[in-house]
């Protein structure tokens, strides 16, 4: 009976998405925080202690999104290693286009060239629960990313009130914008949501770079990834 109720709940959410998502577009600002855990390794302990929060933004339309760091200044990051920047993808850009089926991560390779790495995010599958909570003025529901599609257990809180299926980094595919996302290393928390009118709709441009598959990128650079 519980499974049936969950299926009905999920179906209702998806229907809501189709009904209201046609014209919605806007921006979400997130604060990314590193989850600080105790360690006996002095080097790791120092890195964890020095991890600082960073801000990132999600630009979205019904079919396209771009996720990137806010006020990115390379000189600031050169002062030392910030684990939050690394795990949040602050130095990269994540571009999703549902119409063209493009899921790309723009990154600067070890050769200092910009690359558009093709991500296979179409395989992401979520389990939506009926657990809910309020985040700001939005009612959100919890979803869990199936572990066979990611190396990190990941949970997300999305709101059907913003029925567009995007969120932080490469995460997408839910019937609503993700306002809170957590894995064992990082937490993304939405701090500001701005919705544009149809007349002032965003035009999101695809980042520039050398198009390459994830497998080819790993082969080219010996498995070195700037996450």
N, C-alpha and C. Protein backbone atom coordinates (compact mmCIF):
# COMPACT_ATOMS: atom_id res chain seq x y z
N UNK A 1 0.83 -1.20 0.00
CA UNK A 1 0.00 0.00 0.00
C UNK A 1 0.87 1.26 0.00
N UNK A 2 1.98 1.19 0.78
CA UNK A 2 2.90 2.33 0.84
C UNK A 2 3.52 2.59 -0.52
N UNK A 3 3.90 1.53 -1.25
CA UNK A 3 4.49 1.69 -2.57
C UNK A 3 3.49 2.33 -3.53
N UNK A 4 2.23 1.93 -3.43
CA UNK A 4 1.20 2.49 -4.31
C UNK A 4 1.03 3.98 -4.04
N UNK A 5 1.02 4.37 -2.77
CA UNK A 5 0.89 5.78 -2.42
C UNK A 5 2.07 6.58 -2.95
N UNK A 6 3.26 5.99 -2.87
CA UNK A 6 4.46 6.68 -3.37
C UNK A 6 4.39 6.85 -4.87
N UNK A 7 3.91 5.83 -5.59
CA UNK A 7 3.78 5.91 -7.04
C UNK A 7 2.79 6.99 -7.45
N UNK A 8 1.66 7.05 -6.74
CA UNK A 8 0.65 8.07 -7.02
C UNK A 8 1.22 9.46 -6.76
N UNK A 9 1.96 9.59 -5.67
CA UNK A 9 2.59 10.86 -5.31
C UNK A 9 3.56 11.31 -6.39
N UNK A 10 4.42 10.39 -6.87
CA UNK A 10 5.40 10.72 -7.91
C UNK A 10 4.71 11.10 -9.21
N UNK A 11 3.65 10.38 -9.56
CA UNK A 11 2.91 10.69 -10.79
C UNK A 11 2.31 12.09 -10.72
N UNK A 12 1.79 12.45 -9.57
CA UNK A 12 1.20 13.79 -9.41
C UNK A 12 2.25 14.88 -9.55
N UNK A 13 3.46 14.64 -9.02
CA UNK A 13 4.54 15.60 -9.14
C UNK A 13 4.95 15.79 -10.59
N UNK A 14 5.06 14.69 -11.33
CA UNK A 14 5.47 14.76 -12.74
C UNK A 14 4.42 15.51 -13.56
N UNK A 15 3.16 15.26 -13.30
CA UNK A 15 2.09 15.96 -14.02
C UNK A 15 2.16 17.46 -13.75
N UNK A 16 2.44 17.82 -12.51
CA UNK A 16 2.59 19.23 -12.16
C UNK A 16 3.72 19.88 -12.94
N UNK A 17 4.81 19.15 -13.10
CA UNK A 17 5.95 19.66 -13.85
C UNK A 17 5.57 19.99 -15.28
N UNK A 18 4.88 19.07 -15.96
CA UNK A 18 4.49 19.28 -17.35
C UNK A 18 3.54 20.46 -17.50
N UNK A 19 2.70 20.66 -16.50
CA UNK A 19 1.69 21.71 -16.61
C UNK A 19 2.27 23.11 -16.44
N UNK A 20 3.31 23.25 -15.59
CA UNK A 20 3.76 24.59 -15.21
C UNK A 20 5.18 24.94 -15.65
N UNK A 21 5.91 24.03 -16.26
CA UNK A 21 7.33 24.27 -16.51
C UNK A 21 7.63 25.01 -17.80
N UNK A 22 6.65 25.28 -18.64
CA UNK A 22 6.91 25.77 -19.98
C UNK A 22 7.66 27.11 -20.01
N UNK A 23 7.33 28.03 -19.13
CA UNK A 23 7.88 29.38 -19.23
C UNK A 23 8.80 29.77 -18.08
N UNK A 24 8.99 28.92 -17.10
CA UNK A 24 9.75 29.30 -15.92
C UNK A 24 11.24 29.38 -16.24
N UNK A 25 11.90 30.42 -15.74
CA UNK A 25 13.34 30.55 -15.90
C UNK A 25 13.85 31.48 -14.80
N UNK A 26 15.12 31.34 -14.46
CA UNK A 26 15.64 32.18 -13.40
C UNK A 26 17.01 31.76 -12.93
N UNK A 27 17.30 32.09 -11.66
CA UNK A 27 18.62 31.85 -11.09
C UNK A 27 18.51 31.46 -9.63
N UNK A 28 19.36 30.52 -9.23
CA UNK A 28 19.46 30.12 -7.82
C UNK A 28 20.90 30.31 -7.37
N UNK A 29 21.10 30.99 -6.24
CA UNK A 29 22.42 31.12 -5.64
C UNK A 29 22.55 30.08 -4.53
N UNK A 30 23.66 29.35 -4.53
CA UNK A 30 23.92 28.33 -3.51
C UNK A 30 25.17 28.68 -2.71
N UNK A 31 25.17 28.30 -1.46
CA UNK A 31 26.39 28.26 -0.67
C UNK A 31 26.82 26.81 -0.55
N UNK A 32 28.05 26.53 -0.93
CA UNK A 32 28.59 25.18 -0.81
C UNK A 32 29.47 25.10 0.42
N UNK A 33 29.24 24.08 1.24
CA UNK A 33 30.01 23.90 2.47
C UNK A 33 30.61 22.50 2.49
N UNK A 34 31.88 22.43 2.87
CA UNK A 34 32.54 21.13 2.99
C UNK A 34 32.15 20.49 4.32
N UNK A 35 31.83 19.20 4.29
CA UNK A 35 31.47 18.49 5.51
C UNK A 35 32.75 18.08 6.23
N UNK A 36 33.01 18.73 7.34
CA UNK A 36 34.28 18.54 8.04
C UNK A 36 34.20 17.34 8.98
N UNK A 37 35.06 16.37 8.72
CA UNK A 37 35.10 15.15 9.52
C UNK A 37 36.47 15.03 10.17
N UNK A 38 36.50 14.38 11.31
CA UNK A 38 37.76 14.19 12.02
C UNK A 38 38.66 13.19 11.30
N UNK A 39 39.96 13.46 11.32
CA UNK A 39 40.92 12.54 10.73
C UNK A 39 42.21 12.59 11.54
N UNK A 40 42.93 11.48 11.56
CA UNK A 40 44.19 11.41 12.31
C UNK A 40 45.37 11.84 11.44
N UNK A 41 45.14 12.02 10.15
CA UNK A 41 46.20 12.46 9.25
C UNK A 41 46.38 13.97 9.39
N UNK A 42 47.54 14.44 9.83
CA UNK A 42 47.74 15.87 10.07
C UNK A 42 47.57 16.73 8.82
N UNK A 43 48.03 16.25 7.68
CA UNK A 43 47.90 17.01 6.43
C UNK A 43 46.44 17.17 6.05
N UNK A 44 45.71 16.05 6.10
CA UNK A 44 44.28 16.11 5.77
C UNK A 44 43.51 16.97 6.77
N UNK A 45 43.88 16.87 8.04
CA UNK A 45 43.21 17.66 9.08
C UNK A 45 43.37 19.15 8.82
N UNK A 46 44.57 19.55 8.38
CA UNK A 46 44.83 20.96 8.09
C UNK A 46 44.01 21.44 6.90
N UNK A 47 43.91 20.59 5.87
CA UNK A 47 43.12 20.94 4.69
C UNK A 47 41.64 21.06 5.04
N UNK A 48 41.15 20.12 5.83
CA UNK A 48 39.73 20.14 6.22
C UNK A 48 39.43 21.37 7.06
N UNK A 49 40.33 21.69 7.98
CA UNK A 49 40.13 22.85 8.85
C UNK A 49 40.09 24.16 8.05
N UNK A 50 40.88 24.23 6.97
CA UNK A 50 40.98 25.47 6.20
C UNK A 50 39.93 25.58 5.09
N UNK A 51 39.08 24.56 4.95
CA UNK A 51 38.04 24.60 3.91
C UNK A 51 37.07 25.75 4.17
N UNK A 52 36.84 26.56 3.16
CA UNK A 52 35.95 27.72 3.28
C UNK A 52 34.77 27.60 2.33
N UNK A 53 33.63 28.13 2.76
CA UNK A 53 32.43 28.11 1.92
C UNK A 53 32.65 28.93 0.65
N UNK A 54 31.98 28.51 -0.43
CA UNK A 54 32.00 29.25 -1.68
C UNK A 54 30.56 29.39 -2.19
N UNK A 55 30.33 30.37 -3.03
CA UNK A 55 29.02 30.60 -3.62
C UNK A 55 29.04 30.23 -5.10
N UNK A 56 27.96 29.59 -5.53
CA UNK A 56 27.81 29.20 -6.93
C UNK A 56 26.40 29.54 -7.37
N UNK A 57 26.18 29.59 -8.70
CA UNK A 57 24.86 29.94 -9.20
C UNK A 57 24.40 28.96 -10.27
N UNK A 58 23.10 28.75 -10.28
CA UNK A 58 22.43 27.94 -11.30
C UNK A 58 21.54 28.85 -12.13
N UNK A 59 21.81 28.94 -13.43
CA UNK A 59 20.94 29.64 -14.37
C UNK A 59 20.11 28.57 -15.08
N UNK A 60 18.81 28.79 -15.20
CA UNK A 60 17.99 27.74 -15.79
C UNK A 60 16.83 28.29 -16.61
N UNK A 61 16.48 27.54 -17.64
CA UNK A 61 15.26 27.70 -18.42
C UNK A 61 14.57 26.34 -18.36
N UNK A 62 13.44 26.15 -19.01
CA UNK A 62 12.80 24.82 -18.97
C UNK A 62 13.67 23.70 -19.53
N UNK A 63 14.62 24.01 -20.43
CA UNK A 63 15.38 22.95 -21.09
C UNK A 63 16.89 23.08 -20.98
N UNK A 64 17.40 24.20 -20.47
CA UNK A 64 18.85 24.42 -20.43
C UNK A 64 19.25 24.95 -19.06
N UNK A 65 20.43 24.53 -18.58
CA UNK A 65 20.96 25.06 -17.33
C UNK A 65 22.46 25.24 -17.42
N UNK A 66 22.97 26.16 -16.60
CA UNK A 66 24.41 26.39 -16.49
C UNK A 66 24.71 26.63 -15.02
N UNK A 67 25.65 25.84 -14.47
CA UNK A 67 26.02 25.94 -13.07
C UNK A 67 27.49 26.32 -12.99
N UNK A 68 27.81 27.38 -12.21
CA UNK A 68 29.20 27.84 -12.16
C UNK A 68 29.44 28.63 -10.87
N UNK A 69 30.73 28.86 -10.57
CA UNK A 69 31.09 29.62 -9.41
C UNK A 69 30.74 31.09 -9.56
N UNK A 70 30.47 31.75 -8.43
CA UNK A 70 30.15 33.17 -8.43
C UNK A 70 31.41 33.95 -8.06
N UNK A 71 31.70 35.03 -8.84
CA UNK A 71 32.86 35.88 -8.59
C UNK A 71 34.15 35.07 -8.52
N UNK A 72 34.31 34.20 -9.54
CA UNK A 72 35.51 33.36 -9.58
C UNK A 72 36.74 34.21 -9.86
N UNK A 73 37.74 34.13 -8.96
CA UNK A 73 39.01 34.81 -9.17
C UNK A 73 40.13 33.82 -8.92
N UNK A 74 40.82 33.47 -9.99
CA UNK A 74 41.87 32.45 -9.90
C UNK A 74 42.92 32.81 -8.87
N UNK A 75 43.25 34.11 -8.75
CA UNK A 75 44.30 34.53 -7.84
C UNK A 75 43.97 34.17 -6.40
N UNK A 76 42.66 34.23 -6.05
CA UNK A 76 42.25 33.89 -4.69
C UNK A 76 42.47 32.41 -4.39
N UNK A 77 42.18 31.56 -5.40
CA UNK A 77 42.33 30.12 -5.19
C UNK A 77 43.79 29.69 -5.19
N UNK A 78 44.68 30.50 -5.80
CA UNK A 78 46.09 30.16 -5.85
C UNK A 78 46.76 30.28 -4.48
N UNK A 79 46.09 30.94 -3.54
CA UNK A 79 46.67 31.15 -2.22
C UNK A 79 46.73 29.86 -1.42
N UNK A 80 46.02 28.86 -1.82
CA UNK A 80 46.01 27.59 -1.10
C UNK A 80 44.91 26.69 -1.59
N UNK A 81 44.88 25.47 -1.09
CA UNK A 81 43.87 24.50 -1.50
C UNK A 81 42.62 24.68 -0.65
N UNK A 82 41.49 24.84 -1.33
CA UNK A 82 40.20 24.92 -0.65
C UNK A 82 39.39 23.70 -1.08
N UNK A 83 39.20 22.76 -0.17
CA UNK A 83 38.48 21.53 -0.50
C UNK A 83 37.05 21.81 -0.97
N UNK A 84 36.45 22.87 -0.45
CA UNK A 84 35.09 23.21 -0.87
C UNK A 84 35.06 23.56 -2.35
N UNK A 85 36.03 24.34 -2.81
CA UNK A 85 36.11 24.70 -4.23
C UNK A 85 36.27 23.46 -5.10
N UNK A 86 37.10 22.52 -4.65
CA UNK A 86 37.37 21.31 -5.43
C UNK A 86 36.11 20.45 -5.55
N UNK A 87 35.47 20.15 -4.42
CA UNK A 87 34.34 19.22 -4.43
C UNK A 87 33.05 19.86 -4.95
N UNK A 88 32.95 21.18 -4.91
CA UNK A 88 31.76 21.84 -5.43
C UNK A 88 31.83 22.06 -6.93
N UNK A 89 33.03 21.88 -7.52
CA UNK A 89 33.20 22.16 -8.94
C UNK A 89 33.27 23.64 -9.24
N UNK A 90 33.74 24.44 -8.28
CA UNK A 90 33.72 25.89 -8.39
C UNK A 90 34.49 26.39 -9.62
N UNK A 91 35.58 25.73 -9.96
CA UNK A 91 36.40 26.18 -11.08
C UNK A 91 35.86 25.72 -12.43
N UNK A 92 34.86 24.86 -12.42
CA UNK A 92 34.31 24.32 -13.65
C UNK A 92 32.95 24.94 -13.96
N UNK A 93 32.41 24.59 -15.12
CA UNK A 93 31.05 24.97 -15.48
C UNK A 93 30.32 23.71 -15.93
N UNK A 94 29.05 23.60 -15.52
CA UNK A 94 28.25 22.42 -15.85
C UNK A 94 27.05 22.85 -16.69
N UNK A 95 26.99 22.33 -17.90
CA UNK A 95 25.97 22.74 -18.87
C UNK A 95 25.09 21.55 -19.22
N UNK A 96 23.78 21.72 -19.04
CA UNK A 96 22.81 20.68 -19.41
C UNK A 96 21.85 21.23 -20.45
N UNK A 97 21.64 20.48 -21.51
CA UNK A 97 20.67 20.87 -22.54
C UNK A 97 19.81 19.65 -22.86
N UNK A 98 18.56 19.68 -22.41
CA UNK A 98 17.69 18.53 -22.58
C UNK A 98 17.26 18.33 -24.04
N UNK A 99 17.20 19.43 -24.80
CA UNK A 99 16.77 19.32 -26.20
C UNK A 99 17.84 18.65 -27.06
N UNK A 100 19.11 19.02 -26.84
CA UNK A 100 20.21 18.46 -27.63
C UNK A 100 20.86 17.25 -26.96
N UNK A 101 20.39 16.92 -25.74
CA UNK A 101 20.93 15.80 -24.96
C UNK A 101 22.42 16.01 -24.66
N UNK A 102 22.79 17.24 -24.36
CA UNK A 102 24.17 17.55 -24.02
C UNK A 102 24.30 17.74 -22.51
N UNK A 103 25.23 16.98 -21.90
CA UNK A 103 25.53 17.11 -20.48
C UNK A 103 27.04 17.30 -20.40
N UNK A 104 27.49 18.54 -20.26
CA UNK A 104 28.89 18.87 -20.44
C UNK A 104 29.48 19.51 -19.18
N UNK A 105 30.73 19.18 -18.93
CA UNK A 105 31.50 19.86 -17.88
C UNK A 105 32.67 20.58 -18.53
N UNK A 106 32.68 21.91 -18.38
CA UNK A 106 33.81 22.68 -18.92
C UNK A 106 34.90 22.73 -17.85
N UNK A 107 36.08 22.29 -18.21
CA UNK A 107 37.18 22.25 -17.27
C UNK A 107 38.47 22.64 -17.99
N UNK A 108 39.42 23.16 -17.25
CA UNK A 108 40.73 23.47 -17.81
C UNK A 108 41.63 22.26 -17.59
N UNK A 109 42.11 21.68 -18.68
CA UNK A 109 42.94 20.49 -18.58
C UNK A 109 44.34 20.78 -18.08
N UNK A 110 45.12 19.74 -17.76
CA UNK A 110 46.51 19.93 -17.33
C UNK A 110 47.36 20.66 -18.36
N UNK A 111 46.91 20.70 -19.63
CA UNK A 111 47.63 21.43 -20.67
C UNK A 111 47.16 22.88 -20.78
N UNK A 112 46.30 23.31 -19.81
CA UNK A 112 45.76 24.68 -19.75
C UNK A 112 44.82 25.01 -20.90
N UNK A 113 44.29 24.00 -21.58
CA UNK A 113 43.29 24.19 -22.62
C UNK A 113 41.90 23.94 -22.05
N UNK A 114 40.88 24.68 -22.52
CA UNK A 114 39.51 24.44 -22.05
C UNK A 114 38.88 23.24 -22.75
N UNK A 115 38.28 22.34 -21.99
CA UNK A 115 37.64 21.16 -22.54
C UNK A 115 36.17 21.11 -22.11
N UNK A 116 35.34 20.60 -23.01
CA UNK A 116 33.95 20.29 -22.70
C UNK A 116 33.84 18.78 -22.61
N UNK A 117 33.84 18.28 -21.38
CA UNK A 117 33.82 16.83 -21.15
C UNK A 117 32.38 16.35 -21.15
N UNK A 118 32.08 15.38 -22.00
CA UNK A 118 30.72 14.86 -22.13
C UNK A 118 30.41 13.93 -20.95
N UNK A 119 29.43 14.33 -20.16
CA UNK A 119 29.00 13.55 -19.01
C UNK A 119 27.81 12.67 -19.41
N UNK A 120 27.72 11.47 -18.82
CA UNK A 120 26.64 10.54 -19.15
C UNK A 120 25.54 10.65 -18.11
N UNK A 121 25.03 11.87 -17.89
CA UNK A 121 24.07 12.09 -16.81
C UNK A 121 22.66 11.64 -17.13
N UNK A 122 22.42 11.25 -18.38
CA UNK A 122 21.10 10.76 -18.72
C UNK A 122 20.75 9.47 -18.00
N UNK A 123 21.78 8.85 -17.40
CA UNK A 123 21.56 7.59 -16.70
C UNK A 123 21.18 7.78 -15.23
N UNK A 124 21.22 9.01 -14.75
CA UNK A 124 20.89 9.24 -13.35
C UNK A 124 19.43 8.86 -13.09
N UNK A 125 19.24 8.10 -12.04
CA UNK A 125 17.89 7.68 -11.65
C UNK A 125 17.69 8.01 -10.17
N UNK A 126 16.55 8.63 -9.87
CA UNK A 126 16.25 9.05 -8.51
C UNK A 126 15.11 8.23 -7.92
N UNK A 127 15.16 8.04 -6.63
CA UNK A 127 14.04 7.49 -5.88
C UNK A 127 13.42 8.64 -5.09
N UNK A 128 12.19 9.02 -5.45
CA UNK A 128 11.51 10.13 -4.79
C UNK A 128 10.74 9.61 -3.59
N UNK A 129 10.92 10.25 -2.46
CA UNK A 129 10.20 9.87 -1.25
C UNK A 129 9.07 10.87 -1.00
N UNK A 130 8.20 10.56 -0.06
CA UNK A 130 7.15 11.52 0.31
C UNK A 130 7.54 12.35 1.53
N UNK A 131 8.83 12.29 1.89
CA UNK A 131 9.34 13.11 2.99
C UNK A 131 9.47 14.55 2.52
N UNK A 132 9.00 15.50 3.30
CA UNK A 132 9.00 16.90 2.86
C UNK A 132 9.48 17.81 3.98
N UNK A 133 9.92 19.01 3.58
CA UNK A 133 10.26 20.07 4.53
C UNK A 133 10.27 21.41 3.80
N UNK A 134 10.23 22.46 4.57
CA UNK A 134 10.21 23.82 4.02
C UNK A 134 11.63 24.35 3.91
N UNK A 135 11.99 24.84 2.72
CA UNK A 135 13.27 25.52 2.52
C UNK A 135 12.95 26.92 2.00
N UNK A 136 13.15 27.91 2.85
CA UNK A 136 12.70 29.26 2.50
C UNK A 136 11.20 29.27 2.37
N UNK A 137 10.69 29.78 1.26
CA UNK A 137 9.24 29.81 1.05
C UNK A 137 8.75 28.62 0.23
N UNK A 138 9.65 27.68 -0.05
CA UNK A 138 9.29 26.57 -0.94
C UNK A 138 9.16 25.24 -0.17
N UNK A 139 8.11 24.52 -0.49
CA UNK A 139 7.95 23.17 0.06
C UNK A 139 8.76 22.21 -0.80
N UNK A 140 9.62 21.44 -0.16
CA UNK A 140 10.53 20.55 -0.89
C UNK A 140 10.32 19.09 -0.49
N UNK A 141 10.67 18.21 -1.41
CA UNK A 141 10.57 16.78 -1.18
C UNK A 141 11.93 16.13 -1.38
N UNK A 142 12.16 15.07 -0.63
CA UNK A 142 13.47 14.41 -0.65
C UNK A 142 13.52 13.34 -1.74
N UNK A 143 14.67 13.29 -2.41
CA UNK A 143 14.93 12.25 -3.41
C UNK A 143 16.33 11.70 -3.16
N UNK A 144 16.51 10.43 -3.45
CA UNK A 144 17.79 9.77 -3.24
C UNK A 144 18.30 9.26 -4.58
N UNK A 145 19.55 9.59 -4.89
CA UNK A 145 20.16 9.13 -6.14
C UNK A 145 20.62 7.70 -5.98
N UNK A 146 20.20 6.84 -6.89
CA UNK A 146 20.57 5.43 -6.80
C UNK A 146 22.09 5.28 -6.85
N UNK A 147 22.63 4.49 -5.94
CA UNK A 147 24.07 4.40 -5.78
C UNK A 147 24.79 3.77 -6.96
N UNK A 148 24.08 3.03 -7.81
CA UNK A 148 24.76 2.41 -8.94
C UNK A 148 25.11 3.44 -10.01
N UNK A 149 24.62 4.67 -9.88
CA UNK A 149 24.92 5.72 -10.86
C UNK A 149 25.90 6.76 -10.33
N UNK A 150 26.37 6.62 -9.11
CA UNK A 150 27.30 7.58 -8.55
C UNK A 150 28.16 6.90 -7.49
N UNK A 151 29.40 7.38 -7.36
CA UNK A 151 30.28 6.78 -6.35
C UNK A 151 30.01 7.32 -4.96
N UNK A 152 29.22 8.41 -4.86
CA UNK A 152 28.90 8.99 -3.57
C UNK A 152 27.40 8.91 -3.31
N UNK A 153 26.96 8.40 -2.15
CA UNK A 153 25.53 8.47 -1.80
C UNK A 153 25.08 9.92 -1.79
N UNK A 154 24.02 10.22 -2.51
CA UNK A 154 23.60 11.60 -2.70
C UNK A 154 22.10 11.73 -2.45
N UNK A 155 21.71 12.74 -1.68
CA UNK A 155 20.30 13.04 -1.47
C UNK A 155 20.03 14.48 -1.88
N UNK A 156 18.82 14.74 -2.34
CA UNK A 156 18.45 16.07 -2.81
C UNK A 156 17.07 16.43 -2.32
N UNK A 157 16.87 17.72 -2.07
CA UNK A 157 15.55 18.26 -1.73
C UNK A 157 15.15 19.19 -2.86
N UNK A 158 14.07 18.86 -3.56
CA UNK A 158 13.64 19.63 -4.72
C UNK A 158 12.24 20.18 -4.48
N UNK A 159 11.88 21.25 -5.20
CA UNK A 159 10.56 21.84 -5.03
C UNK A 159 9.76 21.79 -6.32
N UNK A 160 8.60 21.15 -6.31
CA UNK A 160 7.70 21.15 -7.48
C UNK A 160 7.15 22.54 -7.79
N UNK A 161 7.32 23.49 -6.86
CA UNK A 161 6.85 24.85 -7.11
C UNK A 161 7.72 25.56 -8.15
N UNK A 162 8.92 25.04 -8.39
CA UNK A 162 9.79 25.49 -9.48
C UNK A 162 10.04 24.27 -10.36
N UNK A 163 9.06 23.93 -11.20
CA UNK A 163 9.06 22.63 -11.89
C UNK A 163 10.00 22.54 -13.08
N UNK A 164 11.30 22.71 -12.80
CA UNK A 164 12.35 22.54 -13.80
C UNK A 164 13.38 21.60 -13.21
N UNK A 165 13.81 20.62 -13.98
CA UNK A 165 14.59 19.52 -13.41
C UNK A 165 16.09 19.70 -13.33
N UNK A 166 16.56 20.83 -12.76
CA UNK A 166 18.00 21.07 -12.66
C UNK A 166 18.41 21.32 -11.23
N UNK A 167 19.74 21.33 -11.00
CA UNK A 167 20.26 21.56 -9.66
C UNK A 167 21.75 21.81 -9.71
N UNK A 168 22.45 21.70 -8.58
CA UNK A 168 23.90 21.94 -8.54
C UNK A 168 24.68 20.94 -9.40
N UNK A 169 25.83 21.40 -9.87
CA UNK A 169 26.74 20.59 -10.67
C UNK A 169 25.99 19.91 -11.82
N UNK A 170 26.20 18.61 -11.98
CA UNK A 170 25.57 17.88 -13.08
C UNK A 170 24.23 17.27 -12.69
N UNK A 171 23.80 17.46 -11.47
CA UNK A 171 22.60 16.77 -10.99
C UNK A 171 21.34 17.34 -11.63
N UNK A 172 20.55 16.47 -12.21
CA UNK A 172 19.32 16.88 -12.89
C UNK A 172 18.38 15.67 -12.98
N UNK A 173 17.17 15.91 -13.47
CA UNK A 173 16.24 14.80 -13.70
C UNK A 173 15.10 14.68 -12.72
N UNK A 174 15.00 15.61 -11.75
CA UNK A 174 13.88 15.58 -10.81
C UNK A 174 12.78 16.55 -11.27
N UNK A 175 11.55 16.34 -10.81
CA UNK A 175 10.44 17.23 -11.22
C UNK A 175 10.40 18.53 -10.42
N UNK A 176 11.55 19.19 -10.33
CA UNK A 176 11.63 20.45 -9.61
C UNK A 176 13.07 20.83 -9.36
N UNK A 177 13.33 22.13 -9.19
CA UNK A 177 14.68 22.62 -8.94
C UNK A 177 15.18 22.11 -7.58
N UNK A 178 16.42 21.67 -7.53
CA UNK A 178 17.02 21.19 -6.29
C UNK A 178 17.50 22.40 -5.47
N UNK A 179 17.00 22.52 -4.25
CA UNK A 179 17.38 23.62 -3.37
C UNK A 179 18.36 23.20 -2.28
N UNK A 180 18.50 21.90 -2.09
CA UNK A 180 19.47 21.39 -1.11
C UNK A 180 19.97 20.05 -1.61
N UNK A 181 21.30 19.90 -1.68
CA UNK A 181 21.88 18.63 -2.14
C UNK A 181 23.06 18.29 -1.26
N UNK A 182 23.16 17.03 -0.90
CA UNK A 182 24.23 16.60 0.02
C UNK A 182 24.79 15.25 -0.39
N UNK A 183 26.14 15.16 -0.39
CA UNK A 183 26.82 13.87 -0.49
C UNK A 183 27.82 13.81 0.67
N UNK A 184 28.61 12.76 0.80
CA UNK A 184 29.47 12.66 1.99
C UNK A 184 30.50 13.78 2.15
N UNK A 185 30.74 14.57 1.08
CA UNK A 185 31.78 15.59 1.15
C UNK A 185 31.27 17.02 1.15
N UNK A 186 30.15 17.28 0.52
CA UNK A 186 29.74 18.65 0.27
C UNK A 186 28.23 18.82 0.43
N UNK A 187 27.82 20.02 0.84
CA UNK A 187 26.41 20.37 0.93
C UNK A 187 26.18 21.65 0.13
N UNK A 188 25.21 21.62 -0.77
CA UNK A 188 24.79 22.81 -1.50
C UNK A 188 23.46 23.28 -0.92
N UNK A 189 23.42 24.52 -0.46
CA UNK A 189 22.21 25.08 0.12
C UNK A 189 21.80 26.33 -0.63
N UNK A 190 20.59 26.35 -1.15
CA UNK A 190 20.11 27.53 -1.87
C UNK A 190 19.90 28.67 -0.88
N UNK A 191 20.43 29.85 -1.22
CA UNK A 191 20.28 31.01 -0.35
C UNK A 191 19.44 32.11 -1.00
N UNK A 192 19.27 32.05 -2.32
CA UNK A 192 18.47 33.05 -3.01
C UNK A 192 17.92 32.46 -4.30
N UNK A 193 16.64 32.70 -4.56
CA UNK A 193 15.99 32.24 -5.79
C UNK A 193 15.38 33.45 -6.49
N UNK A 194 15.73 33.63 -7.75
CA UNK A 194 15.17 34.74 -8.54
C UNK A 194 14.50 34.16 -9.77
N UNK A 195 13.24 34.52 -9.96
CA UNK A 195 12.48 34.04 -11.12
C UNK A 195 12.25 35.20 -12.09
N UNK A 196 12.57 34.99 -13.35
CA UNK A 196 12.38 36.01 -14.38
C UNK A 196 11.02 35.88 -15.04
N UNK A 197 10.51 36.96 -15.56
CA UNK A 197 9.27 36.92 -16.33
C UNK A 197 9.54 36.35 -17.71
N UNK A 198 8.49 35.98 -18.40
CA UNK A 198 8.62 35.44 -19.75
C UNK A 198 9.27 36.47 -20.67
N UNK A 199 8.96 37.75 -20.46
CA UNK A 199 9.51 38.81 -21.30
C UNK A 199 11.01 39.00 -21.07
N UNK A 200 11.49 38.69 -19.87
CA UNK A 200 12.91 38.84 -19.54
C UNK A 200 13.60 37.49 -19.39
N UNK A 201 13.20 36.55 -20.22
CA UNK A 201 13.72 35.18 -20.13
C UNK A 201 15.23 35.14 -20.39
N UNK A 202 15.89 34.26 -19.67
CA UNK A 202 17.33 34.08 -19.82
C UNK A 202 17.67 33.44 -21.17
N UNK A 203 18.82 33.80 -21.68
CA UNK A 203 19.40 33.12 -22.83
C UNK A 203 20.74 32.54 -22.38
N UNK A 204 20.78 31.24 -22.20
CA UNK A 204 21.97 30.58 -21.67
C UNK A 204 22.82 30.06 -22.82
N UNK A 205 24.05 30.54 -22.88
CA UNK A 205 24.96 30.14 -23.95
C UNK A 205 25.80 28.94 -23.53
N UNK A 206 26.07 28.08 -24.48
CA UNK A 206 26.91 26.92 -24.25
C UNK A 206 28.36 27.37 -24.06
N UNK A 207 29.05 26.88 -23.02
CA UNK A 207 30.45 27.26 -22.82
C UNK A 207 31.32 26.84 -24.00
N UNK A 208 32.43 27.53 -24.17
CA UNK A 208 33.36 27.20 -25.25
C UNK A 208 34.45 26.28 -24.74
N UNK A 209 34.90 25.38 -25.61
CA UNK A 209 35.95 24.45 -25.25
C UNK A 209 36.05 23.33 -26.25
N UNK A 210 37.04 22.48 -26.07
CA UNK A 210 37.27 21.34 -26.96
C UNK A 210 36.37 20.19 -26.52
N UNK A 211 35.46 19.78 -27.39
CA UNK A 211 34.53 18.70 -27.04
C UNK A 211 35.26 17.37 -26.98
N UNK A 212 35.04 16.63 -25.89
CA UNK A 212 35.74 15.37 -25.69
C UNK A 212 34.91 14.48 -24.77
N UNK A 213 34.98 13.17 -24.97
CA UNK A 213 34.26 12.26 -24.08
C UNK A 213 35.04 12.11 -22.77
N UNK A 214 34.35 11.68 -21.73
CA UNK A 214 35.01 11.49 -20.44
C UNK A 214 36.11 10.43 -20.56
N UNK A 215 35.84 9.38 -21.33
CA UNK A 215 36.83 8.31 -21.50
C UNK A 215 38.07 8.83 -22.22
N UNK A 216 37.87 9.64 -23.27
CA UNK A 216 39.00 10.18 -24.02
C UNK A 216 39.80 11.16 -23.17
N UNK A 217 39.11 11.92 -22.34
CA UNK A 217 39.80 12.86 -21.45
C UNK A 217 40.69 12.11 -20.47
N UNK A 218 40.15 11.05 -19.88
CA UNK A 218 40.93 10.25 -18.93
C UNK A 218 42.14 9.62 -19.61
N UNK A 219 41.94 9.11 -20.83
CA UNK A 219 43.03 8.49 -21.56
C UNK A 219 44.11 9.52 -21.93
N UNK A 220 43.67 10.71 -22.31
CA UNK A 220 44.60 11.77 -22.74
C UNK A 220 45.49 12.24 -21.60
N UNK A 221 44.90 12.33 -20.40
CA UNK A 221 45.64 12.87 -19.28
C UNK A 221 45.94 11.83 -18.20
N UNK A 222 45.87 10.57 -18.56
CA UNK A 222 46.25 9.52 -17.63
C UNK A 222 45.38 9.41 -16.41
N UNK A 223 44.08 9.75 -16.58
CA UNK A 223 43.14 9.62 -15.47
C UNK A 223 43.14 10.80 -14.53
N UNK A 224 43.88 11.89 -14.86
CA UNK A 224 43.91 13.06 -14.01
C UNK A 224 42.69 13.91 -14.28
N UNK A 225 41.87 14.09 -13.28
CA UNK A 225 40.65 14.91 -13.41
C UNK A 225 40.72 16.09 -12.46
N UNK A 226 40.38 17.27 -12.96
CA UNK A 226 40.18 18.42 -12.08
C UNK A 226 38.69 18.49 -11.76
N UNK A 227 38.29 17.89 -10.67
CA UNK A 227 36.87 17.81 -10.33
C UNK A 227 36.41 19.14 -9.76
